[in-house]
Amino acid sequence: MKTDAFSKLHPLAFLLTSLLLLAPAALKAGIVFDVPQVIAPCEAGQVEVKAELPFRVKAAIPELRITSIKTGCDCTVGTADAESYAPDAKGKIRLVFTVGERIGFQRKTITVKTSDGKETVAFFQTTVPAILTLKPAFVLWKKNAPKTAKQVQAKIVLEDRSVKITGLQITPAESFDATLHPPSKPGGRDYRISIIPRSTDKPITARIVLKTNFPNDETERFVIVGAVK
């Protein structure tokens, strides 16, 4: 009795051959991004950055649903532009990145799962311009240590804007005392903040938020953390 040559293959070779034969069907699944990375501009003072990731449906099922969109940070939210998609349909993942206290280069992973069990990955990228820098942004006292003042240097680094630090706010208010020292020269860009704990008897953590005339919003962008531990 003759035996088919295909069945005489080594089991591993048989498995690999089967996978290769099935590959075209596996590829026609899920979604495919037109470009798997979107780079969005961000201006100084911008609160949110919005972007879109266009895709095409490659699933063979009659109706494809996006079951989840996970991002690499809770600062980024993704939503699909439709509840379901037909084969070969086009769609978009809409992204909203909340700037908050973040500055500099930002890159977030976007993972999309679809109802056919597939997972597709793309990336969101932006660069948040710095308005001012803080050195250091964290000051620490040990428990029961002397209540000595520590200094933070704040420097305006944004060009072409008359940015000024106008004040500060401490939360909780009873935790620390902080004094804002303006630049020594008119039009200067270097500030100093003196921070001292009211007590070092017990652990406490506080936020010292610097207020500026730009941007003119309530976002807490410039934060010094003071702690007794």
N, C-alpha and C. Protein backbone atom coordinates (compact mmCIF):
# COMPACT_ATOMS: atom_id res chain seq x y z
N MET A 1 0.85 -1.18 0.00
CA MET A 1 0.00 0.00 0.00
C MET A 1 0.88 1.24 0.00
N LYS A 2 0.54 2.16 -0.88
CA LYS A 2 1.34 3.37 -0.96
C LYS A 2 0.97 4.31 0.18
N THR A 3 2.00 5.01 0.67
CA THR A 3 1.79 6.01 1.72
C THR A 3 2.09 7.38 1.15
N ASP A 4 1.18 8.33 1.41
CA ASP A 4 1.37 9.69 0.89
C ASP A 4 2.68 10.27 1.43
N ALA A 5 3.47 10.92 0.58
CA ALA A 5 4.78 11.46 0.96
C ALA A 5 4.65 12.50 2.05
N PHE A 6 3.54 13.24 2.04
CA PHE A 6 3.35 14.30 3.03
C PHE A 6 3.26 13.72 4.44
N SER A 7 2.66 12.54 4.55
CA SER A 7 2.47 11.94 5.87
C SER A 7 3.75 11.33 6.41
N LYS A 8 4.79 11.13 5.52
CA LYS A 8 6.06 10.55 5.96
C LYS A 8 6.99 11.59 6.57
N LEU A 9 6.61 12.83 6.53
CA LEU A 9 7.46 13.88 7.09
C LEU A 9 7.66 13.65 8.59
N HIS A 10 8.81 14.07 9.08
CA HIS A 10 9.06 14.06 10.52
C HIS A 10 7.95 14.87 11.22
N PRO A 11 7.48 14.45 12.39
CA PRO A 11 6.37 15.17 13.05
C PRO A 11 6.60 16.67 13.17
N LEU A 12 7.84 17.09 13.49
CA LEU A 12 8.12 18.52 13.61
C LEU A 12 8.01 19.19 12.24
N ALA A 13 8.55 18.54 11.22
CA ALA A 13 8.48 19.10 9.87
C ALA A 13 7.02 19.16 9.40
N PHE A 14 6.24 18.14 9.77
CA PHE A 14 4.82 18.13 9.42
C PHE A 14 4.10 19.31 10.05
N LEU A 15 4.43 19.60 11.33
CA LEU A 15 3.80 20.70 12.04
C LEU A 15 4.16 22.04 11.40
N LEU A 16 5.44 22.22 11.09
CA LEU A 16 5.88 23.47 10.48
C LEU A 16 5.24 23.68 9.12
N THR A 17 5.15 22.58 8.34
CA THR A 17 4.53 22.68 7.02
C THR A 17 3.06 23.06 7.14
N SER A 18 2.38 22.48 8.12
CA SER A 18 0.97 22.79 8.34
C SER A 18 0.78 24.26 8.70
N LEU A 19 1.68 24.77 9.55
CA LEU A 19 1.57 26.17 9.95
C LEU A 19 1.78 27.10 8.77
N LEU A 20 2.71 26.74 7.88
CA LEU A 20 2.96 27.56 6.70
C LEU A 20 1.75 27.57 5.78
N LEU A 21 1.08 26.41 5.68
CA LEU A 21 -0.10 26.34 4.83
C LEU A 21 -1.25 27.16 5.41
N LEU A 22 -1.28 27.25 6.74
CA LEU A 22 -2.36 27.99 7.40
C LEU A 22 -2.05 29.48 7.54
N ALA A 23 -0.80 29.88 7.30
CA ALA A 23 -0.38 31.26 7.54
C ALA A 23 -1.24 32.29 6.83
N PRO A 24 -1.57 32.12 5.53
CA PRO A 24 -2.39 33.13 4.86
C PRO A 24 -3.72 33.38 5.57
N ALA A 25 -4.34 32.30 6.10
CA ALA A 25 -5.61 32.48 6.80
C ALA A 25 -5.40 33.22 8.12
N ALA A 26 -4.26 32.93 8.80
CA ALA A 26 -4.00 33.58 10.08
C ALA A 26 -3.75 35.06 9.91
N LEU A 27 -3.12 35.40 8.78
CA LEU A 27 -2.83 36.81 8.54
C LEU A 27 -4.10 37.62 8.31
N LYS A 28 -5.14 36.99 7.74
CA LYS A 28 -6.40 37.69 7.49
C LYS A 28 -7.25 37.67 8.76
N ALA A 29 -6.73 38.30 9.78
CA ALA A 29 -7.44 38.33 11.05
C ALA A 29 -7.12 39.63 11.77
N GLY A 30 -8.07 40.05 12.63
CA GLY A 30 -7.84 41.25 13.40
C GLY A 30 -7.83 42.50 12.55
N ILE A 31 -7.01 43.47 12.96
CA ILE A 31 -6.89 44.72 12.23
C ILE A 31 -5.42 44.96 11.89
N VAL A 32 -5.20 45.81 10.89
CA VAL A 32 -3.84 46.20 10.51
C VAL A 32 -3.80 47.72 10.47
N PHE A 33 -2.89 48.32 11.22
CA PHE A 33 -2.76 49.77 11.22
C PHE A 33 -2.09 50.24 9.93
N ASP A 34 -2.61 51.36 9.38
CA ASP A 34 -1.97 51.94 8.20
C ASP A 34 -0.51 52.26 8.49
N VAL A 35 -0.28 52.90 9.61
CA VAL A 35 1.08 53.16 10.13
C VAL A 35 1.02 52.84 11.62
N PRO A 36 1.87 51.94 12.12
CA PRO A 36 1.74 51.49 13.51
C PRO A 36 2.28 52.47 14.55
N GLN A 37 2.53 53.71 14.15
CA GLN A 37 2.97 54.72 15.10
C GLN A 37 2.49 56.08 14.66
N VAL A 38 1.94 56.84 15.59
CA VAL A 38 1.51 58.20 15.30
C VAL A 38 2.34 59.16 16.15
N ILE A 39 2.87 60.20 15.51
CA ILE A 39 3.65 61.23 16.19
C ILE A 39 2.85 62.52 16.16
N ALA A 40 2.46 63.00 17.33
CA ALA A 40 1.59 64.18 17.42
C ALA A 40 2.36 65.35 18.02
N PRO A 41 2.18 66.55 17.49
CA PRO A 41 2.85 67.72 18.06
C PRO A 41 2.19 68.15 19.37
N CYS A 42 2.97 68.80 20.22
CA CYS A 42 2.45 69.33 21.47
C CYS A 42 3.08 70.70 21.70
N GLU A 43 2.24 71.70 21.95
CA GLU A 43 2.73 73.05 22.23
C GLU A 43 2.85 73.28 23.72
N ALA A 44 3.69 74.22 24.09
CA ALA A 44 3.85 74.56 25.50
C ALA A 44 2.51 75.01 26.07
N GLY A 45 2.14 74.48 27.21
CA GLY A 45 0.89 74.85 27.86
C GLY A 45 -0.30 74.04 27.41
N GLN A 46 -0.13 73.15 26.46
CA GLN A 46 -1.26 72.36 25.97
C GLN A 46 -1.70 71.37 27.04
N VAL A 47 -3.00 71.26 27.23
CA VAL A 47 -3.55 70.38 28.27
C VAL A 47 -3.68 68.95 27.77
N GLU A 48 -4.17 68.78 26.54
CA GLU A 48 -4.36 67.45 25.94
C GLU A 48 -3.74 67.42 24.55
N VAL A 49 -3.32 66.22 24.16
CA VAL A 49 -2.86 65.98 22.79
C VAL A 49 -3.74 64.89 22.20
N LYS A 50 -4.34 65.18 21.05
CA LYS A 50 -5.23 64.21 20.41
C LYS A 50 -4.60 63.69 19.12
N ALA A 51 -4.86 62.41 18.82
CA ALA A 51 -4.30 61.80 17.63
C ALA A 51 -5.20 60.64 17.20
N GLU A 52 -4.98 60.14 15.99
CA GLU A 52 -5.77 59.02 15.46
C GLU A 52 -4.84 57.98 14.85
N LEU A 53 -5.22 56.72 15.02
CA LEU A 53 -4.52 55.60 14.41
C LEU A 53 -5.46 54.91 13.43
N PRO A 54 -5.37 55.21 12.12
CA PRO A 54 -6.24 54.56 11.13
C PRO A 54 -5.86 53.08 10.95
N PHE A 55 -6.87 52.26 10.68
CA PHE A 55 -6.60 50.83 10.44
C PHE A 55 -7.57 50.28 9.42
N ARG A 56 -7.26 49.09 8.95
CA ARG A 56 -8.15 48.34 8.06
C ARG A 56 -8.44 46.99 8.68
N VAL A 57 -9.68 46.54 8.56
CA VAL A 57 -10.09 45.25 9.12
C VAL A 57 -9.62 44.13 8.20
N LYS A 58 -8.94 43.14 8.78
CA LYS A 58 -8.45 41.99 8.02
C LYS A 58 -9.10 40.69 8.47
N ALA A 59 -10.05 40.76 9.37
CA ALA A 59 -10.72 39.55 9.85
C ALA A 59 -11.71 39.03 8.81
N ALA A 60 -11.86 37.72 8.77
CA ALA A 60 -12.79 37.10 7.82
C ALA A 60 -14.19 36.97 8.39
N ILE A 61 -14.37 37.24 9.68
CA ILE A 61 -15.69 37.09 10.28
C ILE A 61 -16.59 38.24 9.82
N PRO A 62 -17.92 38.02 9.78
CA PRO A 62 -18.84 39.04 9.24
C PRO A 62 -18.83 40.35 10.01
N GLU A 63 -18.62 40.28 11.32
CA GLU A 63 -18.67 41.49 12.14
C GLU A 63 -17.55 41.44 13.17
N LEU A 64 -16.62 42.39 13.09
CA LEU A 64 -15.50 42.44 14.02
C LEU A 64 -15.74 43.54 15.05
N ARG A 65 -15.53 43.22 16.30
CA ARG A 65 -15.65 44.20 17.37
C ARG A 65 -14.28 44.38 18.04
N ILE A 66 -14.02 45.58 18.47
CA ILE A 66 -12.82 45.85 19.28
C ILE A 66 -13.22 45.65 20.73
N THR A 67 -12.62 44.67 21.36
CA THR A 67 -13.03 44.29 22.71
C THR A 67 -12.28 45.05 23.80
N SER A 68 -11.07 45.53 23.51
CA SER A 68 -10.35 46.32 24.50
C SER A 68 -9.25 47.13 23.83
N ILE A 69 -8.98 48.30 24.41
CA ILE A 69 -7.86 49.14 23.99
C ILE A 69 -7.09 49.49 25.26
N LYS A 70 -5.90 48.92 25.39
CA LYS A 70 -5.07 49.17 26.56
C LYS A 70 -3.90 50.06 26.17
N THR A 71 -3.59 51.01 27.03
CA THR A 71 -2.48 51.92 26.77
C THR A 71 -1.41 51.76 27.85
N GLY A 72 -0.20 52.20 27.54
CA GLY A 72 0.90 52.00 28.47
C GLY A 72 0.88 52.93 29.67
N CYS A 73 -0.15 53.79 29.76
CA CYS A 73 -0.21 54.77 30.85
C CYS A 73 -1.64 55.23 30.99
N ASP A 74 -2.10 55.48 32.23
CA ASP A 74 -3.47 55.96 32.40
C ASP A 74 -3.64 57.40 31.92
N CYS A 75 -2.54 58.04 31.50
CA CYS A 75 -2.62 59.38 30.92
C CYS A 75 -3.13 59.35 29.49
N THR A 76 -3.22 58.16 28.89
CA THR A 76 -3.63 58.02 27.50
C THR A 76 -4.87 57.14 27.41
N VAL A 77 -5.89 57.62 26.70
CA VAL A 77 -7.14 56.88 26.55
C VAL A 77 -7.41 56.68 25.06
N GLY A 78 -7.81 55.46 24.70
CA GLY A 78 -8.12 55.16 23.30
C GLY A 78 -9.56 54.68 23.15
N THR A 79 -10.23 55.12 22.09
CA THR A 79 -11.59 54.68 21.80
C THR A 79 -11.71 54.38 20.32
N ALA A 80 -12.54 53.40 19.98
CA ALA A 80 -12.78 53.06 18.58
C ALA A 80 -13.86 53.98 18.01
N ASP A 81 -13.82 54.19 16.69
CA ASP A 81 -14.79 55.10 16.06
C ASP A 81 -16.08 54.42 15.65
N ALA A 82 -16.22 53.12 15.95
CA ALA A 82 -17.46 52.40 15.65
C ALA A 82 -17.60 51.22 16.60
N GLU A 83 -18.82 50.70 16.71
CA GLU A 83 -19.05 49.55 17.59
C GLU A 83 -18.61 48.24 16.94
N SER A 84 -18.73 48.15 15.61
CA SER A 84 -18.32 46.93 14.90
C SER A 84 -17.93 47.30 13.48
N TYR A 85 -17.22 46.36 12.81
CA TYR A 85 -16.68 46.62 11.49
C TYR A 85 -16.89 45.40 10.59
N ALA A 86 -17.19 45.66 9.33
CA ALA A 86 -17.31 44.60 8.34
C ALA A 86 -15.92 44.25 7.79
N PRO A 87 -15.78 43.10 7.13
CA PRO A 87 -14.49 42.75 6.53
C PRO A 87 -14.02 43.84 5.57
N ASP A 88 -12.74 44.16 5.62
CA ASP A 88 -12.09 45.16 4.77
C ASP A 88 -12.53 46.60 5.06
N ALA A 89 -13.30 46.80 6.11
CA ALA A 89 -13.71 48.16 6.47
C ALA A 89 -12.52 48.93 7.03
N LYS A 90 -12.66 50.27 7.01
CA LYS A 90 -11.65 51.13 7.59
C LYS A 90 -12.16 51.69 8.91
N GLY A 91 -11.25 51.91 9.84
CA GLY A 91 -11.62 52.46 11.13
C GLY A 91 -10.50 53.29 11.72
N LYS A 92 -10.75 53.83 12.90
CA LYS A 92 -9.76 54.65 13.58
C LYS A 92 -9.80 54.38 15.08
N ILE A 93 -8.63 54.41 15.69
CA ILE A 93 -8.53 54.47 17.14
C ILE A 93 -8.22 55.91 17.49
N ARG A 94 -9.12 56.54 18.25
CA ARG A 94 -8.91 57.94 18.65
C ARG A 94 -8.21 57.96 20.01
N LEU A 95 -7.14 58.73 20.10
CA LEU A 95 -6.32 58.79 21.30
C LEU A 95 -6.38 60.19 21.92
N VAL A 96 -6.41 60.22 23.24
CA VAL A 96 -6.32 61.48 23.98
C VAL A 96 -5.25 61.29 25.06
N PHE A 97 -4.19 62.09 24.97
CA PHE A 97 -3.09 62.06 25.93
C PHE A 97 -3.21 63.30 26.82
N THR A 98 -3.31 63.10 28.14
CA THR A 98 -3.38 64.20 29.10
C THR A 98 -1.98 64.55 29.57
N VAL A 99 -1.58 65.79 29.34
CA VAL A 99 -0.20 66.20 29.62
C VAL A 99 0.10 66.20 31.11
N GLY A 100 -0.74 66.88 31.92
CA GLY A 100 -0.50 66.92 33.35
C GLY A 100 0.86 67.50 33.69
N GLU A 101 1.62 66.81 34.55
CA GLU A 101 2.94 67.27 34.97
C GLU A 101 4.05 66.80 34.03
N ARG A 102 3.71 66.07 32.98
CA ARG A 102 4.73 65.43 32.15
C ARG A 102 5.43 66.44 31.25
N ILE A 103 6.74 66.24 31.08
CA ILE A 103 7.51 67.04 30.14
C ILE A 103 8.45 66.12 29.37
N GLY A 104 8.91 66.60 28.22
CA GLY A 104 9.88 65.84 27.44
C GLY A 104 9.24 64.78 26.56
N PHE A 105 10.07 63.84 26.12
CA PHE A 105 9.66 62.80 25.18
C PHE A 105 8.69 61.82 25.84
N GLN A 106 7.59 61.53 25.15
CA GLN A 106 6.57 60.60 25.64
C GLN A 106 6.26 59.57 24.56
N ARG A 107 6.30 58.29 24.91
CA ARG A 107 5.97 57.22 23.97
C ARG A 107 5.11 56.20 24.70
N LYS A 108 3.91 55.94 24.17
CA LYS A 108 2.95 55.07 24.83
C LYS A 108 2.57 53.91 23.91
N THR A 109 2.49 52.73 24.48
CA THR A 109 2.07 51.54 23.73
C THR A 109 0.54 51.45 23.71
N ILE A 110 -0.01 51.17 22.53
CA ILE A 110 -1.45 51.01 22.36
C ILE A 110 -1.71 49.58 21.92
N THR A 111 -2.39 48.79 22.74
CA THR A 111 -2.67 47.39 22.44
C THR A 111 -4.16 47.21 22.21
N VAL A 112 -4.51 46.74 21.00
CA VAL A 112 -5.92 46.61 20.62
C VAL A 112 -6.25 45.13 20.48
N LYS A 113 -7.28 44.68 21.21
CA LYS A 113 -7.77 43.30 21.09
C LYS A 113 -9.10 43.31 20.36
N THR A 114 -9.29 42.30 19.50
CA THR A 114 -10.50 42.21 18.70
C THR A 114 -11.25 40.92 18.99
N SER A 115 -12.50 40.88 18.55
CA SER A 115 -13.39 39.76 18.89
C SER A 115 -13.01 38.45 18.24
N ASP A 116 -12.06 38.47 17.30
CA ASP A 116 -11.58 37.21 16.73
C ASP A 116 -10.38 36.67 17.51
N GLY A 117 -10.09 37.29 18.66
CA GLY A 117 -9.02 36.80 19.52
C GLY A 117 -7.64 37.33 19.19
N LYS A 118 -7.55 38.25 18.25
CA LYS A 118 -6.25 38.77 17.85
C LYS A 118 -5.88 40.02 18.65
N GLU A 119 -4.59 40.30 18.67
CA GLU A 119 -4.05 41.46 19.39
C GLU A 119 -3.10 42.21 18.47
N THR A 120 -3.28 43.52 18.38
CA THR A 120 -2.46 44.36 17.50
C THR A 120 -1.88 45.51 18.32
N VAL A 121 -0.62 45.85 18.06
CA VAL A 121 0.08 46.86 18.85
C VAL A 121 0.50 48.03 17.97
N ALA A 122 0.32 49.23 18.49
CA ALA A 122 0.79 50.45 17.83
C ALA A 122 1.36 51.37 18.90
N PHE A 123 1.86 52.54 18.48
CA PHE A 123 2.52 53.44 19.42
C PHE A 123 2.07 54.88 19.19
N PHE A 124 1.97 55.61 20.31
CA PHE A 124 1.70 57.05 20.28
C PHE A 124 2.94 57.77 20.81
N GLN A 125 3.31 58.87 20.14
CA GLN A 125 4.53 59.57 20.53
C GLN A 125 4.33 61.08 20.45
N THR A 126 4.84 61.79 21.45
CA THR A 126 4.83 63.25 21.43
C THR A 126 5.98 63.74 22.31
N THR A 127 6.27 65.03 22.21
CA THR A 127 7.27 65.66 23.07
C THR A 127 6.66 66.90 23.69
N VAL A 128 6.62 66.94 25.02
CA VAL A 128 6.02 68.05 25.75
C VAL A 128 7.10 69.09 26.05
N PRO A 129 6.98 70.31 25.53
CA PRO A 129 8.00 71.32 25.80
C PRO A 129 8.04 71.68 27.29
N ALA A 130 9.25 71.89 27.79
CA ALA A 130 9.40 72.31 29.19
C ALA A 130 9.13 73.80 29.32
N ILE A 131 8.43 74.17 30.37
CA ILE A 131 8.19 75.58 30.68
C ILE A 131 9.16 76.04 31.76
N LEU A 132 9.32 75.21 32.79
CA LEU A 132 10.33 75.49 33.80
C LEU A 132 10.89 74.18 34.33
N THR A 133 12.05 74.25 34.94
CA THR A 133 12.67 73.07 35.54
C THR A 133 12.79 73.27 37.04
N LEU A 134 12.77 72.16 37.76
CA LEU A 134 12.89 72.16 39.22
C LEU A 134 14.05 71.27 39.63
N LYS A 135 14.95 71.80 40.44
CA LYS A 135 16.08 71.02 40.93
C LYS A 135 16.29 71.31 42.42
N PRO A 136 16.04 70.29 43.28
CA PRO A 136 15.38 69.02 42.98
C PRO A 136 13.87 69.19 43.02
N ALA A 137 13.14 68.20 42.53
CA ALA A 137 11.68 68.23 42.60
C ALA A 137 11.17 67.44 43.80
N PHE A 138 12.10 66.90 44.61
CA PHE A 138 11.73 66.12 45.79
C PHE A 138 12.70 66.46 46.91
N VAL A 139 12.16 66.85 48.06
CA VAL A 139 13.00 67.15 49.22
C VAL A 139 12.54 66.28 50.39
N LEU A 140 13.50 65.76 51.16
CA LEU A 140 13.20 64.76 52.18
C LEU A 140 13.91 65.09 53.49
N TRP A 141 13.17 64.91 54.58
CA TRP A 141 13.73 64.99 55.93
C TRP A 141 13.49 63.64 56.61
N LYS A 142 14.45 63.22 57.41
CA LYS A 142 14.24 62.01 58.19
C LYS A 142 13.40 62.34 59.43
N LYS A 143 12.67 61.36 59.87
CA LYS A 143 11.84 61.55 61.05
C LYS A 143 12.72 61.96 62.24
N ASN A 144 12.25 62.97 62.97
CA ASN A 144 12.92 63.52 64.15
C ASN A 144 14.21 64.28 63.83
N ALA A 145 14.46 64.54 62.56
CA ALA A 145 15.63 65.34 62.17
C ALA A 145 15.37 66.81 62.46
N PRO A 146 16.42 67.64 62.57
CA PRO A 146 16.22 69.09 62.77
C PRO A 146 15.41 69.70 61.63
N LYS A 147 14.62 70.71 61.97
CA LYS A 147 13.76 71.37 60.97
C LYS A 147 14.57 72.44 60.21
N THR A 148 15.45 71.98 59.37
CA THR A 148 16.27 72.90 58.57
C THR A 148 15.63 73.11 57.21
N ALA A 149 15.79 74.33 56.68
CA ALA A 149 15.21 74.66 55.37
C ALA A 149 16.01 74.00 54.25
N LYS A 150 15.31 73.57 53.22
CA LYS A 150 15.96 73.04 52.01
C LYS A 150 15.53 73.90 50.82
N GLN A 151 16.44 73.99 49.85
CA GLN A 151 16.25 74.91 48.74
C GLN A 151 15.97 74.16 47.44
N VAL A 152 15.04 74.69 46.67
CA VAL A 152 14.74 74.18 45.33
C VAL A 152 14.95 75.32 44.34
N GLN A 153 15.66 75.02 43.27
CA GLN A 153 15.89 76.01 42.21
C GLN A 153 14.86 75.80 41.10
N ALA A 154 14.15 76.85 40.77
CA ALA A 154 13.17 76.82 39.66
C ALA A 154 13.65 77.77 38.57
N LYS A 155 13.79 77.26 37.37
CA LYS A 155 14.30 78.08 36.27
C LYS A 155 13.32 78.07 35.11
N ILE A 156 12.93 79.24 34.64
CA ILE A 156 12.08 79.35 33.45
C ILE A 156 12.93 79.04 32.22
N VAL A 157 12.53 78.04 31.46
CA VAL A 157 13.33 77.62 30.30
C VAL A 157 12.60 77.84 28.98
N LEU A 158 11.32 78.18 29.03
CA LEU A 158 10.57 78.39 27.80
C LEU A 158 10.96 79.73 27.18
N GLU A 159 11.36 79.72 25.93
CA GLU A 159 11.78 80.94 25.25
C GLU A 159 10.58 81.68 24.66
N ASP A 160 10.81 82.96 24.37
CA ASP A 160 9.82 83.80 23.67
C ASP A 160 8.51 83.99 24.43
N ARG A 161 8.52 83.81 25.74
CA ARG A 161 7.32 84.07 26.53
C ARG A 161 7.73 84.73 27.84
N SER A 162 6.91 85.65 28.30
CA SER A 162 7.19 86.34 29.57
C SER A 162 6.59 85.54 30.72
N VAL A 163 7.14 84.38 30.94
CA VAL A 163 6.61 83.49 31.98
C VAL A 163 7.16 83.91 33.33
N LYS A 164 6.28 83.93 34.33
CA LYS A 164 6.68 84.27 35.69
C LYS A 164 6.03 83.29 36.66
N ILE A 165 6.74 83.00 37.73
CA ILE A 165 6.15 82.24 38.83
C ILE A 165 5.46 83.26 39.74
N THR A 166 4.18 83.09 39.96
CA THR A 166 3.39 84.09 40.67
C THR A 166 3.07 83.71 42.12
N GLY A 167 3.28 82.45 42.48
CA GLY A 167 2.96 82.05 43.85
C GLY A 167 3.07 80.55 44.00
N LEU A 168 2.66 80.06 45.16
CA LEU A 168 2.69 78.62 45.41
C LEU A 168 1.57 78.23 46.35
N GLN A 169 1.27 76.93 46.32
CA GLN A 169 0.20 76.39 47.18
C GLN A 169 0.68 75.08 47.78
N ILE A 170 0.47 74.90 49.08
CA ILE A 170 0.93 73.70 49.77
C ILE A 170 -0.28 72.86 50.18
N THR A 171 -0.21 71.56 49.89
CA THR A 171 -1.27 70.64 50.27
C THR A 171 -0.65 69.38 50.90
N PRO A 172 -1.00 69.07 52.17
CA PRO A 172 -1.87 69.82 53.09
C PRO A 172 -1.18 71.08 53.61
N ALA A 173 -1.96 72.11 53.83
CA ALA A 173 -1.42 73.44 54.15
C ALA A 173 -0.63 73.47 55.45
N GLU A 174 -0.99 72.60 56.40
CA GLU A 174 -0.35 72.63 57.72
C GLU A 174 0.94 71.80 57.77
N SER A 175 1.38 71.23 56.68
CA SER A 175 2.51 70.30 56.69
C SER A 175 3.87 70.98 56.57
N PHE A 176 3.99 71.98 55.70
CA PHE A 176 5.26 72.64 55.43
C PHE A 176 5.04 74.14 55.31
N ASP A 177 6.12 74.88 55.48
CA ASP A 177 6.17 76.30 55.12
C ASP A 177 7.09 76.43 53.91
N ALA A 178 6.69 77.25 52.94
CA ALA A 178 7.51 77.44 51.74
C ALA A 178 7.49 78.92 51.36
N THR A 179 8.65 79.42 50.98
CA THR A 179 8.80 80.82 50.61
C THR A 179 9.36 80.90 49.19
N LEU A 180 8.72 81.69 48.34
CA LEU A 180 9.16 81.88 46.97
C LEU A 180 10.05 83.12 46.90
N HIS A 181 11.29 82.94 46.45
CA HIS A 181 12.23 84.06 46.30
C HIS A 181 12.35 84.40 44.81
N PRO A 182 11.96 85.61 44.41
CA PRO A 182 11.99 85.98 43.00
C PRO A 182 13.42 86.15 42.49
N PRO A 183 13.59 86.27 41.16
CA PRO A 183 14.93 86.49 40.60
C PRO A 183 15.59 87.74 41.18
N SER A 184 16.89 87.70 41.31
CA SER A 184 17.62 88.82 41.89
C SER A 184 17.71 90.01 40.93
N LYS A 185 17.53 89.75 39.62
CA LYS A 185 17.58 90.82 38.63
C LYS A 185 16.24 90.95 37.94
N PRO A 186 15.84 92.18 37.56
CA PRO A 186 14.59 92.36 36.80
C PRO A 186 14.62 91.55 35.50
N GLY A 187 13.54 90.85 35.22
CA GLY A 187 13.49 90.03 34.02
C GLY A 187 14.23 88.72 34.14
N GLY A 188 14.73 88.42 35.34
CA GLY A 188 15.45 87.17 35.55
C GLY A 188 14.54 85.95 35.45
N ARG A 189 15.15 84.80 35.28
CA ARG A 189 14.39 83.57 35.06
C ARG A 189 14.67 82.51 36.13
N ASP A 190 15.48 82.88 37.14
CA ASP A 190 15.86 81.93 38.18
C ASP A 190 15.19 82.29 39.50
N TYR A 191 14.43 81.33 40.04
CA TYR A 191 13.73 81.50 41.30
C TYR A 191 14.30 80.49 42.31
N ARG A 192 14.03 80.78 43.58
CA ARG A 192 14.43 79.86 44.64
C ARG A 192 13.25 79.68 45.59
N ILE A 193 13.03 78.43 46.00
CA ILE A 193 11.95 78.13 46.94
C ILE A 193 12.58 77.52 48.19
N SER A 194 12.36 78.14 49.34
CA SER A 194 12.82 77.60 50.63
C SER A 194 11.68 76.82 51.26
N ILE A 195 11.97 75.59 51.64
CA ILE A 195 10.93 74.70 52.18
C ILE A 195 11.40 74.17 53.53
N ILE A 196 10.50 74.20 54.51
CA ILE A 196 10.83 73.70 55.84
C ILE A 196 9.61 72.99 56.43
N PRO A 197 9.79 71.82 57.03
CA PRO A 197 8.63 71.14 57.64
C PRO A 197 8.23 71.81 58.95
N ARG A 198 6.96 71.83 59.23
CA ARG A 198 6.50 72.38 60.51
C ARG A 198 6.81 71.43 61.66
N SER A 199 6.94 70.15 61.33
CA SER A 199 7.30 69.16 62.35
C SER A 199 7.94 67.97 61.65
N THR A 200 8.89 67.34 62.32
CA THR A 200 9.46 66.09 61.80
C THR A 200 9.14 64.93 62.75
N ASP A 201 8.12 65.13 63.60
CA ASP A 201 7.77 64.12 64.59
C ASP A 201 7.14 62.87 63.96
N LYS A 202 6.48 63.04 62.83
CA LYS A 202 5.81 61.90 62.21
C LYS A 202 5.90 62.01 60.68
N PRO A 203 5.77 60.90 60.00
CA PRO A 203 5.87 60.93 58.53
C PRO A 203 4.72 61.73 57.90
N ILE A 204 5.07 62.47 56.85
CA ILE A 204 4.06 63.22 56.10
C ILE A 204 4.61 63.51 54.71
N THR A 205 3.71 63.60 53.77
CA THR A 205 4.09 63.94 52.40
C THR A 205 3.18 65.07 51.92
N ALA A 206 3.77 66.05 51.25
CA ALA A 206 3.00 67.21 50.79
C ALA A 206 3.40 67.57 49.37
N ARG A 207 2.50 68.30 48.71
CA ARG A 207 2.75 68.83 47.37
C ARG A 207 2.84 70.35 47.44
N ILE A 208 3.95 70.86 46.92
CA ILE A 208 4.11 72.32 46.81
C ILE A 208 3.97 72.65 45.33
N VAL A 209 2.84 73.24 44.97
CA VAL A 209 2.51 73.51 43.57
C VAL A 209 2.85 74.95 43.23
N LEU A 210 3.68 75.16 42.21
CA LEU A 210 4.03 76.51 41.78
C LEU A 210 2.99 77.02 40.81
N LYS A 211 2.58 78.27 40.98
CA LYS A 211 1.62 78.92 40.10
C LYS A 211 2.37 79.86 39.15
N THR A 212 1.95 79.87 37.89
CA THR A 212 2.59 80.73 36.89
C THR A 212 1.54 81.51 36.12
N ASN A 213 2.00 82.55 35.40
CA ASN A 213 1.07 83.31 34.56
C ASN A 213 0.89 82.67 33.19
N PHE A 214 1.62 81.59 32.93
CA PHE A 214 1.43 80.81 31.71
C PHE A 214 1.78 79.37 32.01
N PRO A 215 0.93 78.43 31.62
CA PRO A 215 -0.38 78.66 31.00
C PRO A 215 -1.41 79.08 32.05
N ASN A 216 -2.42 79.76 31.59
CA ASN A 216 -3.44 80.31 32.49
C ASN A 216 -4.55 79.28 32.69
N ASP A 217 -4.25 78.20 33.40
CA ASP A 217 -5.25 77.19 33.70
C ASP A 217 -4.97 76.63 35.09
N GLU A 218 -5.77 75.69 35.51
CA GLU A 218 -5.67 75.14 36.86
C GLU A 218 -4.89 73.83 36.91
N THR A 219 -4.26 73.45 35.81
CA THR A 219 -3.49 72.21 35.79
C THR A 219 -2.27 72.34 36.71
N GLU A 220 -2.08 71.35 37.58
CA GLU A 220 -0.93 71.37 38.49
C GLU A 220 0.27 70.77 37.78
N ARG A 221 1.01 71.63 37.07
CA ARG A 221 2.12 71.16 36.24
C ARG A 221 3.44 71.14 36.98
N PHE A 222 3.65 72.11 37.86
CA PHE A 222 4.97 72.32 38.45
C PHE A 222 4.89 72.00 39.94
N VAL A 223 5.30 70.79 40.29
CA VAL A 223 5.05 70.27 41.63
C VAL A 223 6.36 69.84 42.28
N ILE A 224 6.56 70.32 43.50
CA ILE A 224 7.66 69.85 44.37
C ILE A 224 7.03 68.97 45.44
N VAL A 225 7.61 67.83 45.68
CA VAL A 225 7.11 66.95 46.73
C VAL A 225 8.04 67.06 47.93
N GLY A 226 7.45 67.36 49.08
CA GLY A 226 8.20 67.39 50.35
C GLY A 226 7.73 66.26 51.24
N ALA A 227 8.67 65.62 51.92
CA ALA A 227 8.29 64.45 52.73
C ALA A 227 9.16 64.34 53.98
N VAL A 228 8.53 63.85 55.03
CA VAL A 228 9.23 63.43 56.25
C VAL A 228 9.00 61.94 56.36
N LYS A 229 10.09 61.20 56.42
CA LYS A 229 9.97 59.72 56.50
C LYS A 229 10.97 59.17 57.50
